[in-house]
Amino acid sequence: MPLWIIATCLAAAIQTLRFILQRQVRDAGLSTGGATFSRFIFAAPLAIITVAVLQPLTATAWPSTTPAFWSYAFFGGLCQIGGTFATIMLFSLRNFAVGIAFTKTETIQVVLFSLLILGEGVSGAGLAAILVGIVGVILISSKDAGDTARWSGALRAKPMLLGLIAGAGFGLSAIGYRGAALDLDTGGALFRAACTLAAVTAMQTVTMGLWLLWREPGEVARVLRAWRRTALVGLTGMLGSLAWFTAFALQNAAYVRAVGQIELVLGVIVAWAVFGERVARREAIGIAFLGLSVVALMLVA
């Protein structure tokens, strides 16, 4: 099995665990901004330590960075913050499994982003597989609108809109991270991924910290006081992101994100086993379509 598929599957599994932890952090009393910040504040030092350990172990020269690298990294980091915000807000509106399903619109959007920004397209068969995923999104979202026959009703539903925002944020972040990793001039995929991750999480920590100090005074202190929970969010976030970044360094971001949809299956299992939630039949059919899209895209890639 190709390394990028292994890295993607590992990333999806760790991300599902992080979503569980992040939801519990939100339930513990932190705001959406605080729960999002917890994703980065502990991940940044861990990512920097990872680079410091990998550099001598791999005997890799320190890479030189360019303005393009920092632009890609900064852009991707900001988009991920937006996607994380929208995802946490989704959890307060719908159940866990379907909340994750809505974020999977990123797979549809990232195809266009990848072509426009990086000049990387997908094959006809890959596009067909992604269209199967669109059917799944329609089946899931139309139930919210109260009128399953009309797209206009579905698009007015708040969960659908938040899902589209989250999907766009995560999709654009994937493009930014792949662009940054490809711009580095030395090291294997894992080392380049770690360097990119360290730069991104450091920027995200500073950006989110300043935002919270301005808009939500006291929230940074609450995150730090809840370190027993928030530190686990940061650890799983860092490990999951390292796996994602490694996959991005190896393969087209559209294919990586598409295969990463296996977390939908994990989300359903978690929703049932951990949170005791039920998924409606129509929603389950939509998730099945999205799962079929993932399998097809694995075969195509």
Protein backbone atom coordinates (compact mmCIF):
# COMPACT_ATOMS: atom_id res chain seq x y z
CA MET A 1 0.00 0.00 0.00
CA PRO A 2 1.41 3.45 -0.91
CA LEU A 3 2.80 5.48 1.98
CA TRP A 4 0.43 8.39 1.31
CA ILE A 5 -2.62 6.16 1.82
CA ILE A 6 -1.21 4.80 5.08
CA ALA A 7 -0.50 8.35 6.28
CA THR A 8 -4.00 9.49 5.27
CA CYS A 9 -5.76 6.62 7.06
CA LEU A 10 -3.70 7.26 10.17
CA ALA A 11 -4.54 10.97 10.00
CA ALA A 12 -8.27 10.26 9.68
CA ALA A 13 -8.23 7.96 12.70
CA ILE A 14 -6.36 10.45 14.87
CA GLN A 15 -8.58 13.31 13.70
CA THR A 16 -11.69 11.41 14.77
CA LEU A 17 -10.19 11.02 18.24
CA ARG A 18 -9.34 14.74 18.31
CA PHE A 19 -12.94 15.65 17.40
CA ILE A 20 -14.14 13.62 20.40
CA LEU A 21 -11.73 15.39 22.73
CA GLN A 22 -12.48 18.81 21.25
CA ARG A 23 -16.21 18.29 21.66
CA GLN A 24 -15.71 17.35 25.30
CA VAL A 25 -13.60 20.50 25.77
CA ARG A 26 -16.45 22.59 24.37
CA ASP A 27 -18.90 20.79 26.64
CA ALA A 28 -16.63 21.63 29.60
CA GLY A 29 -17.43 25.33 29.21
CA LEU A 30 -14.92 26.77 26.74
CA SER A 31 -16.16 28.99 23.94
CA THR A 32 -15.88 28.04 20.28
CA GLY A 33 -12.76 30.21 20.10
CA GLY A 34 -11.29 28.59 23.21
CA ALA A 35 -11.94 25.07 21.94
CA THR A 36 -10.33 26.04 18.62
CA PHE A 37 -7.34 27.62 20.36
CA SER A 38 -6.80 24.44 22.37
CA ARG A 39 -6.21 22.72 19.04
CA PHE A 40 -3.08 24.81 18.45
CA ILE A 41 -1.51 26.06 21.69
CA PHE A 42 -0.09 22.69 22.72
CA ALA A 43 0.47 21.42 19.18
CA ALA A 44 2.98 24.17 18.31
CA PRO A 45 5.72 23.28 20.85
CA LEU A 46 5.24 19.58 20.12
CA ALA A 47 5.69 20.20 16.39
CA ILE A 48 8.84 22.25 17.00
CA ILE A 49 10.26 19.46 19.19
CA THR A 50 9.45 16.95 16.44
CA VAL A 51 11.49 18.94 13.91
CA ALA A 52 14.39 19.25 16.37
CA VAL A 53 14.39 15.47 16.86
CA LEU A 54 13.95 14.52 13.20
CA GLN A 55 16.70 16.78 11.86
CA PRO A 56 19.66 14.92 13.46
CA LEU A 57 17.96 11.54 13.16
CA THR A 58 17.54 11.92 9.40
CA ALA A 59 20.83 13.83 8.96
CA THR A 60 18.93 16.38 6.87
CA ALA A 61 20.20 19.88 6.23
CA TRP A 62 17.98 22.68 7.49
CA PRO A 63 15.80 23.82 4.59
CA SER A 64 15.86 27.35 3.31
CA THR A 65 12.46 29.03 3.24
CA THR A 66 11.08 31.41 0.64
CA PRO A 67 8.30 34.01 0.69
CA ALA A 68 6.17 31.45 -1.16
CA PHE A 69 6.61 28.94 1.68
CA TRP A 70 5.49 31.42 4.33
CA SER A 71 2.61 32.62 2.17
CA TYR A 72 1.33 29.08 1.64
CA ALA A 73 1.79 28.23 5.33
CA PHE A 74 0.09 31.40 6.61
CA PHE A 75 -2.78 31.05 4.16
CA GLY A 76 -3.32 27.38 5.04
CA GLY A 77 -3.17 28.08 8.75
CA LEU A 78 -5.79 30.82 8.64
CA CYS A 79 -8.11 28.64 6.54
CA GLN A 80 -7.76 25.78 9.02
CA ILE A 81 -8.71 28.08 11.89
CA GLY A 82 -11.87 29.04 10.01
CA GLY A 83 -12.68 25.41 9.22
CA THR A 84 -12.18 24.38 12.84
CA PHE A 85 -14.44 27.19 14.07
CA ALA A 86 -17.23 26.10 11.71
CA THR A 87 -16.84 22.42 12.63
CA ILE A 88 -17.16 23.07 16.36
CA MET A 89 -20.25 25.18 15.72
CA LEU A 90 -21.71 22.30 13.70
CA PHE A 91 -21.48 19.99 16.71
CA SER A 92 -23.88 22.22 18.62
CA LEU A 93 -26.48 21.97 15.83
CA ARG A 94 -26.46 18.34 14.74
CA ASN A 95 -25.16 15.03 15.92
CA PHE A 96 -21.49 14.05 15.76
CA ALA A 97 -21.49 11.76 12.71
CA VAL A 98 -23.51 14.08 10.49
CA GLY A 99 -21.47 17.09 11.61
CA ILE A 100 -18.35 15.39 10.26
CA ALA A 101 -20.22 14.42 7.07
CA PHE A 102 -20.97 18.06 6.28
CA THR A 103 -17.28 18.98 6.50
CA LYS A 104 -16.58 16.45 3.75
CA THR A 105 -17.72 18.93 1.15
CA GLU A 106 -14.07 19.92 1.26
CA THR A 107 -13.29 16.97 -1.03
CA ILE A 108 -15.50 18.46 -3.70
CA GLN A 109 -14.13 21.96 -3.25
CA VAL A 110 -10.45 21.03 -3.00
CA VAL A 111 -10.48 19.69 -6.56
CA LEU A 112 -11.17 23.18 -7.89
CA PHE A 113 -8.81 24.83 -5.41
CA SER A 114 -6.01 22.44 -6.33
CA LEU A 115 -6.43 23.15 -10.02
CA LEU A 116 -6.66 26.92 -9.63
CA ILE A 117 -3.89 27.40 -7.07
CA LEU A 118 -1.41 24.56 -7.66
CA GLY A 119 -2.31 23.56 -11.21
CA GLU A 120 -3.00 19.96 -10.13
CA GLY A 121 -6.12 18.42 -11.62
CA VAL A 122 -7.85 15.05 -11.20
CA SER A 123 -8.72 12.41 -13.76
CA GLY A 124 -12.19 11.91 -15.25
CA ALA A 125 -12.68 8.79 -13.13
CA GLY A 126 -11.64 10.73 -10.05
CA LEU A 127 -14.18 13.44 -10.83
CA ALA A 128 -16.90 10.82 -11.28
CA ALA A 129 -16.11 9.37 -7.87
CA ILE A 130 -16.32 12.83 -6.32
CA LEU A 131 -19.75 13.35 -7.91
CA VAL A 132 -20.92 10.25 -6.05
CA GLY A 133 -19.88 12.04 -2.90
CA ILE A 134 -22.00 15.03 -3.90
CA VAL A 135 -25.07 12.78 -3.93
CA GLY A 136 -24.25 11.84 -0.36
CA VAL A 137 -24.02 15.48 0.67
CA ILE A 138 -27.42 16.23 -0.93
CA LEU A 139 -29.08 13.32 0.86
CA ILE A 140 -27.69 14.41 4.21
CA SER A 141 -28.35 18.13 3.87
CA SER A 142 -31.82 18.08 2.31
CA LYS A 143 -33.37 16.64 5.46
CA ASP A 144 -32.45 19.80 7.34
CA ALA A 145 -34.27 22.07 4.95
CA GLY A 146 -37.69 20.49 5.46
CA ASP A 147 -38.10 20.21 1.68
CA THR A 148 -36.13 17.32 0.20
CA ALA A 149 -37.12 18.25 -3.33
CA ARG A 150 -35.42 21.63 -3.49
CA TRP A 151 -31.77 22.59 -3.29
CA SER A 152 -32.74 26.11 -2.26
CA GLY A 153 -34.19 24.83 0.98
CA ALA A 154 -31.13 22.73 1.68
CA LEU A 155 -28.77 25.61 1.05
CA ARG A 156 -30.63 27.83 3.50
CA ALA A 157 -30.13 25.35 6.32
CA LYS A 158 -27.57 26.61 8.83
CA PRO A 159 -25.80 23.24 9.19
CA MET A 160 -25.36 23.06 5.42
CA LEU A 161 -23.89 26.55 5.26
CA LEU A 162 -21.54 25.85 8.16
CA GLY A 163 -20.53 22.60 6.48
CA LEU A 164 -19.69 24.42 3.27
CA ILE A 165 -17.63 26.96 5.19
CA ALA A 166 -15.81 24.22 7.09
CA GLY A 167 -15.22 22.30 3.87
CA ALA A 168 -13.81 25.36 2.14
CA GLY A 169 -11.58 26.15 5.10
CA PHE A 170 -10.12 22.66 5.33
CA GLY A 171 -9.87 22.33 1.55
CA LEU A 172 -7.95 25.57 1.16
CA SER A 173 -5.74 24.70 4.12
CA ALA A 174 -4.80 21.43 2.40
CA ILE A 175 -3.75 23.36 -0.69
CA GLY A 176 -1.69 25.76 1.41
CA TYR A 177 0.06 22.96 3.28
CA ARG A 178 0.89 21.00 0.15
CA GLY A 179 2.21 24.14 -1.51
CA ALA A 180 4.40 24.92 1.51
CA ALA A 181 5.78 21.39 1.80
CA LEU A 182 6.60 21.24 -1.91
CA ASP A 183 8.40 24.58 -1.70
CA LEU A 184 10.97 23.31 0.81
CA ASP A 185 14.21 22.34 -0.89
CA THR A 186 15.52 19.53 1.31
CA GLY A 187 14.46 16.45 3.28
CA GLY A 188 12.02 13.61 2.83
CA ALA A 189 8.26 13.89 3.07
CA LEU A 190 8.13 13.41 6.85
CA PHE A 191 10.77 16.06 7.60
CA ARG A 192 9.28 18.59 5.19
CA ALA A 193 5.85 17.90 6.70
CA ALA A 194 7.18 18.45 10.23
CA CYS A 195 8.87 21.73 9.26
CA THR A 196 5.68 22.98 7.63
CA LEU A 197 3.61 21.91 10.63
CA ALA A 198 5.92 23.71 13.08
CA ALA A 199 5.68 26.95 11.10
CA VAL A 200 1.90 26.70 10.72
CA THR A 201 1.03 25.84 14.33
CA ALA A 202 3.32 28.58 15.69
CA MET A 203 1.53 31.12 13.50
CA GLN A 204 -1.89 29.75 14.46
CA THR A 205 -1.10 29.93 18.17
CA VAL A 206 -0.03 33.57 17.97
CA THR A 207 -2.94 34.56 15.72
CA MET A 208 -5.61 32.83 17.79
CA GLY A 209 -4.08 34.01 21.06
CA LEU A 210 -4.18 37.65 19.98
CA TRP A 211 -7.73 37.24 18.69
CA LEU A 212 -8.96 35.80 21.98
CA LEU A 213 -7.18 38.44 24.05
CA TRP A 214 -9.02 41.05 21.99
CA ARG A 215 -12.43 39.49 21.54
CA GLU A 216 -12.75 37.09 24.51
CA PRO A 217 -10.73 38.35 27.49
CA GLY A 218 -10.04 35.56 29.96
CA GLU A 219 -10.59 32.71 27.50
CA VAL A 220 -6.86 32.01 27.04
CA ALA A 221 -6.54 31.60 30.82
CA ARG A 222 -9.51 29.23 30.85
CA VAL A 223 -7.88 27.11 28.13
CA LEU A 224 -4.66 26.91 30.13
CA ARG A 225 -6.52 26.04 33.34
CA ALA A 226 -8.20 23.18 31.49
CA TRP A 227 -4.80 21.88 30.34
CA ARG A 228 -5.52 18.28 31.35
CA ARG A 229 -8.11 18.15 28.58
CA THR A 230 -6.77 20.72 26.16
CA ALA A 231 -3.27 19.22 26.13
CA LEU A 232 -4.71 15.97 24.78
CA VAL A 233 -6.44 17.95 22.03
CA GLY A 234 -3.12 19.52 21.12
CA LEU A 235 -1.26 16.20 21.13
CA THR A 236 -3.77 14.42 18.91
CA GLY A 237 -4.01 17.51 16.72
CA MET A 238 -0.25 17.57 16.20
CA LEU A 239 0.00 13.85 15.44
CA GLY A 240 -2.95 13.94 13.06
CA SER A 241 -1.65 17.02 11.28
CA LEU A 242 1.81 15.47 10.90
CA ALA A 243 0.20 12.50 9.16
CA TRP A 244 -1.92 14.81 6.95
CA PHE A 245 1.07 16.96 6.04
CA THR A 246 3.13 13.89 5.16
CA ALA A 247 0.39 12.70 2.83
CA PHE A 248 0.16 16.17 1.25
CA ALA A 249 3.89 16.14 0.62
CA LEU A 250 3.48 12.89 -1.30
CA GLN A 251 0.21 13.17 -3.25
CA ASN A 252 -2.35 15.52 -4.84
CA ALA A 253 -4.34 17.15 -2.00
CA ALA A 254 -7.65 16.26 -3.69
CA TYR A 255 -6.91 12.54 -3.53
CA VAL A 256 -5.57 12.76 0.02
CA ARG A 257 -8.68 14.51 1.30
CA ALA A 258 -10.93 12.14 -0.61
CA VAL A 259 -9.37 9.03 0.92
CA GLY A 260 -9.45 10.78 4.29
CA GLN A 261 -13.24 10.51 4.20
CA ILE A 262 -12.90 7.11 5.84
CA GLU A 263 -13.31 9.10 9.03
CA LEU A 264 -17.04 9.16 8.20
CA VAL A 265 -17.23 5.49 9.09
CA LEU A 266 -15.24 6.14 12.25
CA GLY A 267 -17.54 9.06 13.05
CA VAL A 268 -20.63 6.86 12.85
CA ILE A 269 -19.01 4.28 15.13
CA VAL A 270 -18.03 6.96 17.64
CA ALA A 271 -21.46 8.59 17.54
CA TRP A 272 -23.09 5.27 18.39
CA ALA A 273 -20.56 3.87 20.86
CA VAL A 274 -19.41 7.01 22.69
CA PHE A 275 -22.22 9.58 22.45
CA GLY A 276 -25.21 7.26 22.11
CA GLU A 277 -26.45 9.17 19.05
CA ARG A 278 -28.67 7.85 16.29
CA VAL A 279 -28.38 8.57 12.59
CA ALA A 280 -31.54 8.86 10.47
CA ARG A 281 -31.97 6.44 7.56
CA ARG A 282 -31.66 9.16 4.91
CA GLU A 283 -28.51 10.48 6.55
CA ALA A 284 -27.07 6.97 6.74
CA ILE A 285 -27.68 6.49 3.01
CA GLY A 286 -25.92 9.78 2.32
CA ILE A 287 -22.94 8.70 4.39
CA ALA A 288 -22.89 5.40 2.47
CA PHE A 289 -22.66 7.32 -0.80
CA LEU A 290 -19.76 9.31 0.58
CA GLY A 291 -18.09 6.08 1.65
CA LEU A 292 -18.52 4.66 -1.85
CA SER A 293 -16.88 7.79 -3.21
CA VAL A 294 -13.88 7.22 -0.95
CA VAL A 295 -13.43 3.63 -2.12
CA ALA A 296 -13.65 4.64 -5.77
CA LEU A 297 -11.13 7.41 -5.29
CA MET A 298 -8.72 5.03 -3.61
CA LEU A 299 -8.88 2.82 -6.68
CA VAL A 300 -8.42 5.77 -9.03
CA ALA A 301 -5.44 7.21 -7.18
